Amino acid sequence: MPTLTKLYSMQEVYDVSTYLDDHPGGDDVLLAATGRDATEDFEDAGHSKTAREEMKALCIGELDTTSSDIPELEIFSESQPPGYPNKLANLTKRYWAVPAAVVGISVVIGVLYLRKK
């Protein structure tokens, strides 16, 4: 079947590094899908019509499924601005507090609830 767009290898499809700061769900969602097909993740998230239209605008072509080239996971690209690896490292340090806070608050609420009984 003929294609209307350019065919890209797995390594060339969807470079979202410039969209990390703008993604409403946070950059960690995009980073979790690095190096693999995230179509199922996108569909499971229940994106709005606006998000689907925005995705169409970001589409640069189609994946060449005849190629079995799947690149190694590359989180730090040489084309990234200086200091970008440090930014990613700082994000992972910063986000550990959210799950820890949720667990801590849950434990406190559980203890208070059991004391009332």
PDB file of N, CA and C in Angstrom:
ATOM      1  N   MET A   1       0.842  -1.178   0.000  1.00  0.00           N
ATOM      2  CA  MET A   1       0.000   0.000   0.000  1.00  0.00           C
ATOM      3  C   MET A   1       0.887   1.240   0.000  1.00  0.00           C
ATOM      4  N   PRO A   2       0.689   2.175  -0.936  1.00  0.00           N
ATOM      5  CA  PRO A   2       1.536   3.353  -1.002  1.00  0.00           C
ATOM      6  C   PRO A   2       1.304   4.270   0.194  1.00  0.00           C
ATOM      7  N   THR A   3       2.334   4.991   0.557  1.00  0.00           N
ATOM      8  CA  THR A   3       2.251   5.893   1.692  1.00  0.00           C
ATOM      9  C   THR A   3       2.332   7.338   1.215  1.00  0.00           C
ATOM     10  N   LEU A   4       1.687   8.227   1.943  1.00  0.00           N
ATOM     11  CA  LEU A   4       1.699   9.639   1.587  1.00  0.00           C
ATOM     12  C   LEU A   4       2.747  10.416   2.359  1.00  0.00           C
ATOM     13  N   THR A   5       3.327   9.796   3.354  1.00  0.00           N
ATOM     14  CA  THR A   5       4.342  10.460   4.164  1.00  0.00           C
ATOM     15  C   THR A   5       5.643   9.684   4.069  1.00  0.00           C
ATOM     16  N   LYS A   6       6.704  10.326   4.511  1.00  0.00           N
ATOM     17  CA  LYS A   6       8.013   9.681   4.517  1.00  0.00           C
ATOM     18  C   LYS A   6       8.030   8.534   5.525  1.00  0.00           C
ATOM     19  N   LEU A   7       8.757   7.467   5.187  1.00  0.00           N
ATOM     20  CA  LEU A   7       8.925   6.349   6.117  1.00  0.00           C
ATOM     21  C   LEU A   7      10.167   6.592   6.965  1.00  0.00           C
ATOM     22  N   TYR A   8      10.051   6.339   8.246  1.00  0.00           N
ATOM     23  CA  TYR A   8      11.150   6.559   9.182  1.00  0.00           C
ATOM     24  C   TYR A   8      11.490   5.258   9.883  1.00  0.00           C
ATOM     25  N   SER A   9      12.738   5.154  10.290  1.00  0.00           N
ATOM     26  CA  SER A   9      13.135   4.008  11.105  1.00  0.00           C
ATOM     27  C   SER A   9      12.681   4.261  12.541  1.00  0.00           C
ATOM     28  N   MET A  10      12.751   3.241  13.383  1.00  0.00           N
ATOM     29  CA  MET A  10      12.344   3.371  14.781  1.00  0.00           C
ATOM     30  C   MET A  10      13.138   4.478  15.479  1.00  0.00           C
ATOM     31  N   GLN A  11      14.379   4.675  15.061  1.00  0.00           N
ATOM     32  CA  GLN A  11      15.242   5.657  15.693  1.00  0.00           C
ATOM     33  C   GLN A  11      14.839   7.091  15.347  1.00  0.00           C
ATOM     34  N   GLU A  12      14.125   7.279  14.246  1.00  0.00           N
ATOM     35  CA  GLU A  12      13.791   8.625  13.794  1.00  0.00           C
ATOM     36  C   GLU A  12      12.401   9.102  14.203  1.00  0.00           C
ATOM     37  N   VAL A  13      11.557   8.230  14.693  1.00  0.00           N
ATOM     38  CA  VAL A  13      10.150   8.585  14.913  1.00  0.00           C
ATOM     39  C   VAL A  13       9.960   9.299  16.246  1.00  0.00           C
ATOM     40  N   TYR A  14       9.175  10.347  16.212  1.00  0.00           N
ATOM     41  CA  TYR A  14       8.743  11.111  17.380  1.00  0.00           C
ATOM     42  C   TYR A  14       9.861  11.470  18.371  1.00  0.00           C
ATOM     43  N   ASP A  15      10.588  12.488  18.034  1.00  0.00           N
ATOM     44  CA  ASP A  15      11.543  13.060  18.976  1.00  0.00           C
ATOM     45  C   ASP A  15      10.786  14.107  19.779  1.00  0.00           C
ATOM     46  N   VAL A  16      10.381  13.758  20.986  1.00  0.00           N
ATOM     47  CA  VAL A  16       9.561  14.650  21.813  1.00  0.00           C
ATOM     48  C   VAL A  16      10.384  15.421  22.846  1.00  0.00           C
ATOM     49  N   SER A  17      11.690  15.453  22.651  1.00  0.00           N
ATOM     50  CA  SER A  17      12.546  16.121  23.634  1.00  0.00           C
ATOM     51  C   SER A  17      12.217  17.597  23.784  1.00  0.00           C
ATOM     52  N   THR A  18      11.751  18.249  22.726  1.00  0.00           N
ATOM     53  CA  THR A  18      11.398  19.665  22.825  1.00  0.00           C
ATOM     54  C   THR A  18      10.029  19.867  23.481  1.00  0.00           C
ATOM     55  N   TYR A  19       9.263  18.791  23.637  1.00  0.00           N
ATOM     56  CA  TYR A  19       7.918  18.874  24.205  1.00  0.00           C
ATOM     57  C   TYR A  19       7.877  18.469  25.683  1.00  0.00           C
ATOM     58  N   LEU A  20       9.012  18.065  26.232  1.00  0.00           N
ATOM     59  CA  LEU A  20       9.042  17.579  27.615  1.00  0.00           C
ATOM     60  C   LEU A  20       8.489  18.593  28.607  1.00  0.00           C
ATOM     61  N   ASP A  21       8.894  19.852  28.487  1.00  0.00           N
ATOM     62  CA  ASP A  21       8.443  20.873  29.437  1.00  0.00           C
ATOM     63  C   ASP A  21       6.983  21.259  29.239  1.00  0.00           C
ATOM     64  N   ASP A  22       6.432  21.045  28.048  1.00  0.00           N
ATOM     65  CA  ASP A  22       5.075  21.469  27.739  1.00  0.00           C
ATOM     66  C   ASP A  22       4.020  20.383  27.941  1.00  0.00           C
ATOM     67  N   HIS A  23       4.419  19.130  28.113  1.00  0.00           N
ATOM     68  CA  HIS A  23       3.453  18.036  28.225  1.00  0.00           C
ATOM     69  C   HIS A  23       2.624  18.191  29.499  1.00  0.00           C
ATOM     70  N   PRO A  24       1.284  18.269  29.366  1.00  0.00           N
ATOM     71  CA  PRO A  24       0.430  18.485  30.538  1.00  0.00           C
ATOM     72  C   PRO A  24       0.528  17.386  31.590  1.00  0.00           C
ATOM     73  N   GLY A  25       0.846  16.172  31.181  1.00  0.00           N
ATOM     74  CA  GLY A  25       0.951  15.071  32.134  1.00  0.00           C
ATOM     75  C   GLY A  25       2.312  14.968  32.787  1.00  0.00           C
ATOM     76  N   GLY A  26       3.212  15.879  32.446  1.00  0.00           N
ATOM     77  CA  GLY A  26       4.570  15.865  32.987  1.00  0.00           C
ATOM     78  C   GLY A  26       5.524  15.136  32.069  1.00  0.00           C
ATOM     79  N   ASP A  27       6.776  15.480  32.179  1.00  0.00           N
ATOM     80  CA  ASP A  27       7.779  14.884  31.295  1.00  0.00           C
ATOM     81  C   ASP A  27       8.076  13.431  31.644  1.00  0.00           C
ATOM     82  N   ASP A  28       7.792  13.036  32.880  1.00  0.00           N
ATOM     83  CA  ASP A  28       8.074  11.655  33.280  1.00  0.00           C
ATOM     84  C   ASP A  28       7.242  10.654  32.487  1.00  0.00           C
ATOM     85  N   VAL A  29       6.052  11.062  32.042  1.00  0.00           N
ATOM     86  CA  VAL A  29       5.199  10.188  31.232  1.00  0.00           C
ATOM     87  C   VAL A  29       5.867   9.911  29.889  1.00  0.00           C
ATOM     88  N   LEU A  30       6.412  10.960  29.286  1.00  0.00           N
ATOM     89  CA  LEU A  30       7.082  10.797  27.998  1.00  0.00           C
ATOM     90  C   LEU A  30       8.377  10.004  28.148  1.00  0.00           C
ATOM     91  N   LEU A  31       9.113  10.270  29.213  1.00  0.00           N
ATOM     92  CA  LEU A  31      10.383   9.566  29.424  1.00  0.00           C
ATOM     93  C   LEU A  31      10.160   8.071  29.663  1.00  0.00           C
ATOM     94  N   ALA A  32       9.023   7.720  30.257  1.00  0.00           N
ATOM     95  CA  ALA A  32       8.730   6.311  30.509  1.00  0.00           C
ATOM     96  C   ALA A  32       8.523   5.528  29.211  1.00  0.00           C
ATOM     97  N   ALA A  33       8.168   6.229  28.140  1.00  0.00           N
ATOM     98  CA  ALA A  33       7.913   5.565  26.856  1.00  0.00           C
ATOM     99  C   ALA A  33       9.088   5.703  25.893  1.00  0.00           C
ATOM    100  N   THR A  34      10.211   6.139  26.379  1.00  0.00           N
ATOM    101  CA  THR A  34      11.380   6.349  25.527  1.00  0.00           C
ATOM    102  C   THR A  34      11.855   5.049  24.906  1.00  0.00           C
ATOM    103  N   GLY A  35      12.103   5.094  23.601  1.00  0.00           N
ATOM    104  CA  GLY A  35      12.682   3.955  22.901  1.00  0.00           C
ATOM    105  C   GLY A  35      11.714   2.854  22.519  1.00  0.00           C
ATOM    106  N   ARG A  36      10.410   3.115  22.610  1.00  0.00           N
ATOM    107  CA  ARG A  36       9.440   2.087  22.235  1.00  0.00           C
ATOM    108  C   ARG A  36       8.186   2.743  21.681  1.00  0.00           C
ATOM    109  N   ASP A  37       7.326   1.936  21.088  1.00  0.00           N
ATOM    110  CA  ASP A  37       6.061   2.408  20.546  1.00  0.00           C
ATOM    111  C   ASP A  37       5.117   2.706  21.710  1.00  0.00           C
ATOM    112  N   ALA A  38       4.678   3.961  21.818  1.00  0.00           N
ATOM    113  CA  ALA A  38       3.827   4.368  22.937  1.00  0.00           C
ATOM    114  C   ALA A  38       2.373   4.545  22.523  1.00  0.00           C
ATOM    115  N   THR A  39       1.972   3.965  21.414  1.00  0.00           N
ATOM    116  CA  THR A  39       0.595   4.101  20.937  1.00  0.00           C
ATOM    117  C   THR A  39      -0.402   3.607  21.974  1.00  0.00           C
ATOM    118  N   GLU A  40      -0.140   2.440  22.540  1.00  0.00           N
ATOM    119  CA  GLU A  40      -1.066   1.878  23.529  1.00  0.00           C
ATOM    120  C   GLU A  40      -1.141   2.760  24.777  1.00  0.00           C
ATOM    121  N   ASP A  41       0.000   3.283  25.216  1.00  0.00           N
ATOM    122  CA  ASP A  41       0.015   4.190  26.367  1.00  0.00           C
ATOM    123  C   ASP A  41      -0.834   5.427  26.086  1.00  0.00           C
ATOM    124  N   PHE A  42      -0.680   5.977  24.875  1.00  0.00           N
ATOM    125  CA  PHE A  42      -1.442   7.167  24.490  1.00  0.00           C
ATOM    126  C   PHE A  42      -2.941   6.871  24.508  1.00  0.00           C
ATOM    127  N   GLU A  43      -3.332   5.740  23.943  1.00  0.00           N
ATOM    128  CA  GLU A  43      -4.750   5.396  23.886  1.00  0.00           C
ATOM    129  C   GLU A  43      -5.319   5.120  25.277  1.00  0.00           C
ATOM    130  N   ASP A  44      -4.548   4.464  26.139  1.00  0.00           N
ATOM    131  CA  ASP A  44      -5.015   4.136  27.488  1.00  0.00           C
ATOM    132  C   ASP A  44      -5.212   5.373  28.361  1.00  0.00           C
ATOM    133  N   ALA A  45      -4.513   6.463  28.038  1.00  0.00           N
ATOM    134  CA  ALA A  45      -4.582   7.668  28.860  1.00  0.00           C
ATOM    135  C   ALA A  45      -5.867   8.459  28.634  1.00  0.00           C
ATOM    136  N   GLY A  46      -6.624   8.131  27.591  1.00  0.00           N
ATOM    137  CA  GLY A  46      -7.883   8.833  27.350  1.00  0.00           C
ATOM    138  C   GLY A  46      -7.687  10.288  26.979  1.00  0.00           C
ATOM    139  N   HIS A  47      -6.851  10.548  26.008  1.00  0.00           N
ATOM    140  CA  HIS A  47      -6.561  11.923  25.608  1.00  0.00           C
ATOM    141  C   HIS A  47      -7.773  12.602  24.970  1.00  0.00           C
ATOM    142  N   SER A  48      -7.811  13.909  25.107  1.00  0.00           N
ATOM    143  CA  SER A  48      -8.903  14.715  24.554  1.00  0.00           C
ATOM    144  C   SER A  48      -8.763  14.861  23.041  1.00  0.00           C
ATOM    145  N   LYS A  49      -9.800  15.418  22.436  1.00  0.00           N
ATOM    146  CA  LYS A  49      -9.779  15.675  20.994  1.00  0.00           C
ATOM    147  C   LYS A  49      -8.671  16.671  20.668  1.00  0.00           C
ATOM    148  N   THR A  50      -8.475  17.638  21.534  1.00  0.00           N
ATOM    149  CA  THR A  50      -7.415  18.636  21.334  1.00  0.00           C
ATOM    150  C   THR A  50      -6.045  17.977  21.335  1.00  0.00           C
ATOM    151  N   ALA A  51      -5.831  17.030  22.243  1.00  0.00           N
ATOM    152  CA  ALA A  51      -4.542  16.336  22.308  1.00  0.00           C
ATOM    153  C   ALA A  51      -4.309  15.520  21.046  1.00  0.00           C
ATOM    154  N   ARG A  52      -5.357  14.902  20.541  1.00  0.00           N
ATOM    155  CA  ARG A  52      -5.219  14.114  19.307  1.00  0.00           C
ATOM    156  C   ARG A  52      -4.895  15.015  18.117  1.00  0.00           C
ATOM    157  N   GLU A  53      -5.491  16.192  18.074  1.00  0.00           N
ATOM    158  CA  GLU A  53      -5.184  17.137  17.002  1.00  0.00           C
ATOM    159  C   GLU A  53      -3.745  17.633  17.112  1.00  0.00           C
ATOM    160  N   GLU A  54      -3.304  17.870  18.351  1.00  0.00           N
ATOM    161  CA  GLU A  54      -1.922  18.307  18.559  1.00  0.00           C
ATOM    162  C   GLU A  54      -0.944  17.218  18.150  1.00  0.00           C
ATOM    163  N   MET A  55      -1.293  15.966  18.429  1.00  0.00           N
ATOM    164  CA  MET A  55      -0.436  14.855  18.039  1.00  0.00           C
ATOM    165  C   MET A  55      -0.305  14.779  16.520  1.00  0.00           C
ATOM    166  N   LYS A  56      -1.415  15.021  15.813  1.00  0.00           N
ATOM    167  CA  LYS A  56      -1.365  15.004  14.350  1.00  0.00           C
ATOM    168  C   LYS A  56      -0.404  16.062  13.832  1.00  0.00           C
ATOM    169  N   ALA A  57      -0.372  17.205  14.497  1.00  0.00           N
ATOM    170  CA  ALA A  57       0.528  18.284  14.078  1.00  0.00           C
ATOM    171  C   ALA A  57       1.992  17.912  14.307  1.00  0.00           C
ATOM    172  N   LEU A  58       2.257  17.037  15.268  1.00  0.00           N
ATOM    173  CA  LEU A  58       3.628  16.628  15.578  1.00  0.00           C
ATOM    174  C   LEU A  58       4.094  15.440  14.737  1.00  0.00           C
ATOM    175  N   CYS A  59       3.172  14.815  14.010  1.00  0.00           N
ATOM    176  CA  CYS A  59       3.515  13.641  13.211  1.00  0.00           C
ATOM    177  C   CYS A  59       4.446  14.046  12.074  1.00  0.00           C
ATOM    178  N   ILE A  60       5.555  13.346  11.952  1.00  0.00           N
ATOM    179  CA  ILE A  60       6.522  13.657  10.901  1.00  0.00           C
ATOM    180  C   ILE A  60       6.540  12.599   9.813  1.00  0.00           C
ATOM    181  N   GLY A  61       5.876  11.477  10.008  1.00  0.00           N
ATOM    182  CA  GLY A  61       5.857  10.413   9.007  1.00  0.00           C
ATOM    183  C   GLY A  61       5.369   9.116   9.600  1.00  0.00           C
ATOM    184  N   GLU A  62       5.600   8.042   8.877  1.00  0.00           N
ATOM    185  CA  GLU A  62       5.161   6.714   9.297  1.00  0.00           C
ATOM    186  C   GLU A  62       6.357   5.832   9.627  1.00  0.00           C
ATOM    187  N   LEU A  63       6.133   4.883  10.517  1.00  0.00           N
ATOM    188  CA  LEU A  63       7.180   3.944  10.906  1.00  0.00           C
ATOM    189  C   LEU A  63       7.341   2.878   9.835  1.00  0.00           C
ATOM    190  N   ASP A  64       8.576   2.658   9.436  1.00  0.00           N
ATOM    191  CA  ASP A  64       8.897   1.603   8.469  1.00  0.00           C
ATOM    192  C   ASP A  64       8.896   0.277   9.211  1.00  0.00           C
ATOM    193  N   THR A  65       7.826  -0.490   9.061  1.00  0.00           N
ATOM    194  CA  THR A  65       7.682  -1.751   9.793  1.00  0.00           C
ATOM    195  C   THR A  65       8.496  -2.885   9.172  1.00  0.00           C
ATOM    196  N   THR A  66       9.084  -2.646   7.997  1.00  0.00           N
ATOM    197  CA  THR A  66       9.905  -3.688   7.382  1.00  0.00           C
ATOM    198  C   THR A  66      11.279  -3.752   8.031  1.00  0.00           C
ATOM    199  N   SER A  67      11.662  -2.706   8.724  1.00  0.00           N
ATOM    200  CA  SER A  67      12.957  -2.670   9.390  1.00  0.00           C
ATOM    201  C   SER A  67      12.827  -3.247  10.791  1.00  0.00           C
ATOM    202  N   SER A  68      13.750  -4.102  11.158  1.00  0.00           N
ATOM    203  CA  SER A  68      13.721  -4.666  12.504  1.00  0.00           C
ATOM    204  C   SER A  68      14.676  -3.922  13.425  1.00  0.00           C
ATOM    205  N   ASP A  69      15.154  -2.769  12.963  1.00  0.00           N
ATOM    206  CA  ASP A  69      16.059  -1.946  13.764  1.00  0.00           C
ATOM    207  C   ASP A  69      15.321  -1.312  14.933  1.00  0.00           C
ATOM    208  N   ILE A  70      15.613  -1.751  16.117  1.00  0.00           N
ATOM    209  CA  ILE A  70      15.095  -1.100  17.307  1.00  0.00           C
ATOM    210  C   ILE A  70      16.307  -0.579  18.056  1.00  0.00           C
ATOM    211  N   PRO A  71      16.399   0.734  18.208  1.00  0.00           N
ATOM    212  CA  PRO A  71      17.596   1.316  18.799  1.00  0.00           C
ATOM    213  C   PRO A  71      17.703   1.011  20.287  1.00  0.00           C
ATOM    214  N   GLU A  72      18.925   1.124  20.779  1.00  0.00           N
ATOM    215  CA  GLU A  72      19.112   1.018  22.213  1.00  0.00           C
ATOM    216  C   GLU A  72      18.497   2.253  22.849  1.00  0.00           C
ATOM    217  N   LEU A  73      18.052   2.111  24.074  1.00  0.00           N
ATOM    218  CA  LEU A  73      17.465   3.225  24.791  1.00  0.00           C
ATOM    219  C   LEU A  73      18.505   4.317  24.967  1.00  0.00           C
ATOM    220  N   GLU A  74      18.204   5.493  24.446  1.00  0.00           N
ATOM    221  CA  GLU A  74      19.123   6.622  24.555  1.00  0.00           C
ATOM    222  C   GLU A  74      18.388   7.768  25.211  1.00  0.00           C
ATOM    223  N   ILE A  75      18.652   7.989  26.465  1.00  0.00           N
ATOM    224  CA  ILE A  75      17.973   9.066  27.181  1.00  0.00           C
ATOM    225  C   ILE A  75      18.695  10.389  26.951  1.00  0.00           C
ATOM    226  N   PHE A  76      20.004  10.366  26.867  1.00  0.00           N
ATOM    227  CA  PHE A  76      20.774  11.578  26.666  1.00  0.00           C
ATOM    228  C   PHE A  76      21.300  11.611  25.243  1.00  0.00           C
ATOM    229  N   SER A  77      20.783  12.512  24.449  1.00  0.00           N
ATOM    230  CA  SER A  77      21.222  12.663  23.070  1.00  0.00           C
ATOM    231  C   SER A  77      22.263  13.766  22.992  1.00  0.00           C
ATOM    232  N   GLU A  78      23.175  13.638  22.067  1.00  0.00           N
ATOM    233  CA  GLU A  78      24.193  14.671  21.910  1.00  0.00           C
ATOM    234  C   GLU A  78      23.601  15.973  21.408  1.00  0.00           C
ATOM    235  N   SER A  79      22.401  15.932  20.825  1.00  0.00           N
ATOM    236  CA  SER A  79      21.773  17.147  20.314  1.00  0.00           C
ATOM    237  C   SER A  79      21.051  17.936  21.410  1.00  0.00           C
ATOM    238  N   GLN A  80      21.003  17.394  22.628  1.00  0.00           N
ATOM    239  CA  GLN A  80      20.351  18.084  23.731  1.00  0.00           C
ATOM    240  C   GLN A  80      21.196  19.287  24.158  1.00  0.00           C
ATOM    241  N   PRO A  81      20.540  20.331  24.681  1.00  0.00           N
ATOM    242  CA  PRO A  81      21.289  21.488  25.157  1.00  0.00           C
ATOM    243  C   PRO A  81      22.168  21.116  26.350  1.00  0.00           C
ATOM    244  N   PRO A  82      23.238  21.886  26.583  1.00  0.00           N
ATOM    245  CA  PRO A  82      24.110  21.598  27.736  1.00  0.00           C
ATOM    246  C   PRO A  82      23.312  21.644  29.037  1.00  0.00           C
ATOM    247  N   GLY A  83      23.623  20.751  29.938  1.00  0.00           N
ATOM    248  CA  GLY A  83      22.941  20.714  31.230  1.00  0.00           C
ATOM    249  C   GLY A  83      21.670  19.891  31.232  1.00  0.00           C
ATOM    250  N   TYR A  84      21.280  19.365  30.088  1.00  0.00           N
ATOM    251  CA  TYR A  84      20.038  18.586  30.016  1.00  0.00           C
ATOM    252  C   TYR A  84      20.104  17.310  30.846  1.00  0.00           C
ATOM    253  N   PRO A  85      21.209  16.558  30.807  1.00  0.00           N
ATOM    254  CA  PRO A  85      21.283  15.369  31.680  1.00  0.00           C
ATOM    255  C   PRO A  85      21.118  15.718  33.156  1.00  0.00           C
ATOM    256  N   ASN A  86      21.663  16.856  33.564  1.00  0.00           N
ATOM    257  CA  ASN A  86      21.514  17.266  34.961  1.00  0.00           C
ATOM    258  C   ASN A  86      20.060  17.586  35.280  1.00  0.00           C
ATOM    259  N   LYS A  87      19.344  18.175  34.313  1.00  0.00           N
ATOM    260  CA  LYS A  87      17.926  18.478  34.519  1.00  0.00           C
ATOM    261  C   LYS A  87      17.142  17.192  34.745  1.00  0.00           C
ATOM    262  N   LEU A  88      17.422  16.165  33.933  1.00  0.00           N
ATOM    263  CA  LEU A  88      16.725  14.890  34.103  1.00  0.00           C
ATOM    264  C   LEU A  88      17.051  14.262  35.459  1.00  0.00           C
ATOM    265  N   ALA A  89      18.299  14.339  35.849  1.00  0.00           N
ATOM    266  CA  ALA A  89      18.690  13.777  37.144  1.00  0.00           C
ATOM    267  C   ALA A  89      17.990  14.508  38.281  1.00  0.00           C
ATOM    268  N   ASN A  90      17.874  15.831  38.170  1.00  0.00           N
ATOM    269  CA  ASN A  90      17.196  16.614  39.207  1.00  0.00           C
ATOM    270  C   ASN A  90      15.707  16.296  39.271  1.00  0.00           C
ATOM    271  N   LEU A  91      15.095  16.026  38.114  1.00  0.00           N
ATOM    272  CA  LEU A  91      13.677  15.672  38.107  1.00  0.00           C
ATOM    273  C   LEU A  91      13.430  14.370  38.856  1.00  0.00           C
ATOM    274  N   THR A  92      14.303  13.385  38.649  1.00  0.00           N
ATOM    275  CA  THR A  92      14.107  12.113  39.345  1.00  0.00           C
ATOM    276  C   THR A  92      14.310  12.272  40.839  1.00  0.00           C
ATOM    277  N   LYS A  93      15.212  13.156  41.235  1.00  0.00           N
ATOM    278  CA  LYS A  93      15.410  13.412  42.673  1.00  0.00           C
ATOM    279  C   LYS A  93      14.201  14.127  43.265  1.00  0.00           C
ATOM    280  N   ARG A  94      13.596  15.014  42.481  1.00  0.00           N
ATOM    281  CA  ARG A  94      12.484  15.810  42.983  1.00  0.00           C
ATOM    282  C   ARG A  94      11.203  14.986  43.110  1.00  0.00           C
ATOM    283  N   TYR A  95      10.961  14.065  42.199  1.00  0.00           N
ATOM    284  CA  TYR A  95       9.691  13.357  42.180  1.00  0.00           C
ATOM    285  C   TYR A  95       9.612  12.171  43.138  1.00  0.00           C
ATOM    286  N   TRP A  96      10.668  11.814  43.836  1.00  0.00           N
ATOM    287  CA  TRP A  96      10.579  10.733  44.795  1.00  0.00           C
ATOM    288  C   TRP A  96       9.712  11.151  45.973  1.00  0.00           C
ATOM    289  N   ALA A  97       9.595  12.454  46.223  1.00  0.00           N
ATOM    290  CA  ALA A  97       8.870  12.940  47.390  1.00  0.00           C
ATOM    291  C   ALA A  97       7.361  12.742  47.258  1.00  0.00           C
ATOM    292  N   VAL A  98       6.829  12.771  46.053  1.00  0.00           N
ATOM    293  CA  VAL A  98       5.376  12.651  45.873  1.00  0.00           C
ATOM    294  C   VAL A  98       4.871  11.288  46.350  1.00  0.00           C
ATOM    295  N   PRO A  99       5.427  10.173  45.847  1.00  0.00           N
ATOM    296  CA  PRO A  99       4.931   8.887  46.356  1.00  0.00           C
ATOM    297  C   PRO A  99       5.213   8.702  47.847  1.00  0.00           C
ATOM    298  N   ALA A 100       6.339   9.209  48.314  1.00  0.00           N
ATOM    299  CA  ALA A 100       6.658   9.088  49.737  1.00  0.00           C
ATOM    300  C   ALA A 100       5.639   9.858  50.584  1.00  0.00           C
ATOM    301  N   ALA A 101       5.234  11.035  50.114  1.00  0.00           N
ATOM    302  CA  ALA A 101       4.241  11.832  50.841  1.00  0.00           C
ATOM    303  C   ALA A 101       2.892  11.136  50.857  1.00  0.00           C
ATOM    304  N   VAL A 102       2.501  10.532  49.737  1.00  0.00           N
ATOM    305  CA  VAL A 102       1.217   9.813  49.667  1.00  0.00           C
ATOM    306  C   VAL A 102       1.213   8.648  50.649  1.00  0.00           C
ATOM    307  N   VAL A 103       2.294   7.894  50.698  1.00  0.00           N
ATOM    308  CA  VAL A 103       2.389   6.766  51.632  1.00  0.00           C
ATOM    309  C   VAL A 103       2.358   7.274  53.070  1.00  0.00           C
ATOM    310  N   GLY A 104       3.103   8.328  53.343  1.00  0.00           N
ATOM    311  CA  GLY A 104       3.138   8.878  54.701  1.00  0.00           C
ATOM    312  C   GLY A 104       1.780   9.366  55.160  1.00  0.00           C
ATOM    313  N   ILE A 105       1.093  10.100  54.306  1.00  0.00           N
ATOM    314  CA  ILE A 105      -0.235  10.604  54.654  1.00  0.00           C
ATOM    315  C   ILE A 105      -1.211   9.449  54.845  1.00  0.00           C
ATOM    316  N   SER A 106      -1.117   8.429  54.005  1.00  0.00           N
ATOM    317  CA  SER A 106      -1.992   7.256  54.140  1.00  0.00           C
ATOM    318  C   SER A 106      -1.775   6.553  55.468  1.00  0.00           C
ATOM    319  N   VAL A 107      -0.528   6.418  55.882  1.00  0.00           N
ATOM    320  CA  VAL A 107      -0.219   5.762  57.158  1.00  0.00           C
ATOM    321  C   VAL A 107      -0.784   6.577  58.311  1.00  0.00           C
ATOM    322  N   VAL A 108      -0.612   7.888  58.282  1.00  0.00           N
ATOM    323  CA  VAL A 108      -1.128   8.742  59.360  1.00  0.00           C
ATOM    324  C   VAL A 108      -2.644   8.654  59.430  1.00  0.00           C
ATOM    325  N   ILE A 109      -3.316   8.729  58.288  1.00  0.00           N
ATOM    326  CA  ILE A 109      -4.785   8.628  58.270  1.00  0.00           C
ATOM    327  C   ILE A 109      -5.232   7.265  58.781  1.00  0.00           C
ATOM    328  N   GLY A 110      -4.531   6.210  58.383  1.00  0.00           N
ATOM    329  CA  GLY A 110      -4.876   4.864  58.854  1.00  0.00           C
ATOM    330  C   GLY A 110      -4.731   4.742  60.368  1.00  0.00           C
ATOM    331  N   VAL A 111      -3.658   5.273  60.899  1.00  0.00           N
ATOM    332  CA  VAL A 111      -3.437   5.226  62.360  1.00  0.00           C
ATOM    333  C   VAL A 111      -4.511   6.014  63.079  1.00  0.00           C
ATOM    334  N   LEU A 112      -4.818   7.211  62.595  1.00  0.00           N
ATOM    335  CA  LEU A 112      -5.859   8.029  63.232  1.00  0.00           C
ATOM    336  C   LEU A 112      -7.234   7.352  63.165  1.00  0.00           C
ATOM    337  N   TYR A 113      -7.508   6.719  62.055  1.00  0.00           N
ATOM    338  CA  TYR A 113      -8.788   6.022  61.882  1.00  0.00           C
ATOM    339  C   TYR A 113      -8.898   4.850  62.864  1.00  0.00           C
ATOM    340  N   LEU A 114      -7.814   4.088  62.983  1.00  0.00           N
ATOM    341  CA  LEU A 114      -7.840   2.926  63.894  1.00  0.00           C
ATOM    342  C   LEU A 114      -7.904   3.349  65.350  1.00  0.00           C
ATOM    343  N   ARG A 115      -7.338   4.506  65.695  1.00  0.00           N
ATOM    344  CA  ARG A 115      -7.384   4.988  67.092  1.00  0.00           C
ATOM    345  C   ARG A 115      -8.805   5.376  67.493  1.00  0.00           C
ATOM    346  N   LYS A 116      -9.602   5.841  66.525  1.00  0.00           N
ATOM    347  CA  LYS A 116     -10.971   6.250  66.819  1.00  0.00           C
ATOM    348  C   LYS A 116     -11.882   5.063  67.125  1.00  0.00           C
ATOM    349  N   LYS A 117     -11.510   3.888  66.642  1.00  0.00           N
ATOM    350  CA  LYS A 117     -12.353   2.704  66.842  1.00  0.00           C
ATOM    351  C   LYS A 117     -12.218   2.159  68.204  1.00  0.00           C
TER     352      LYS A 117
END
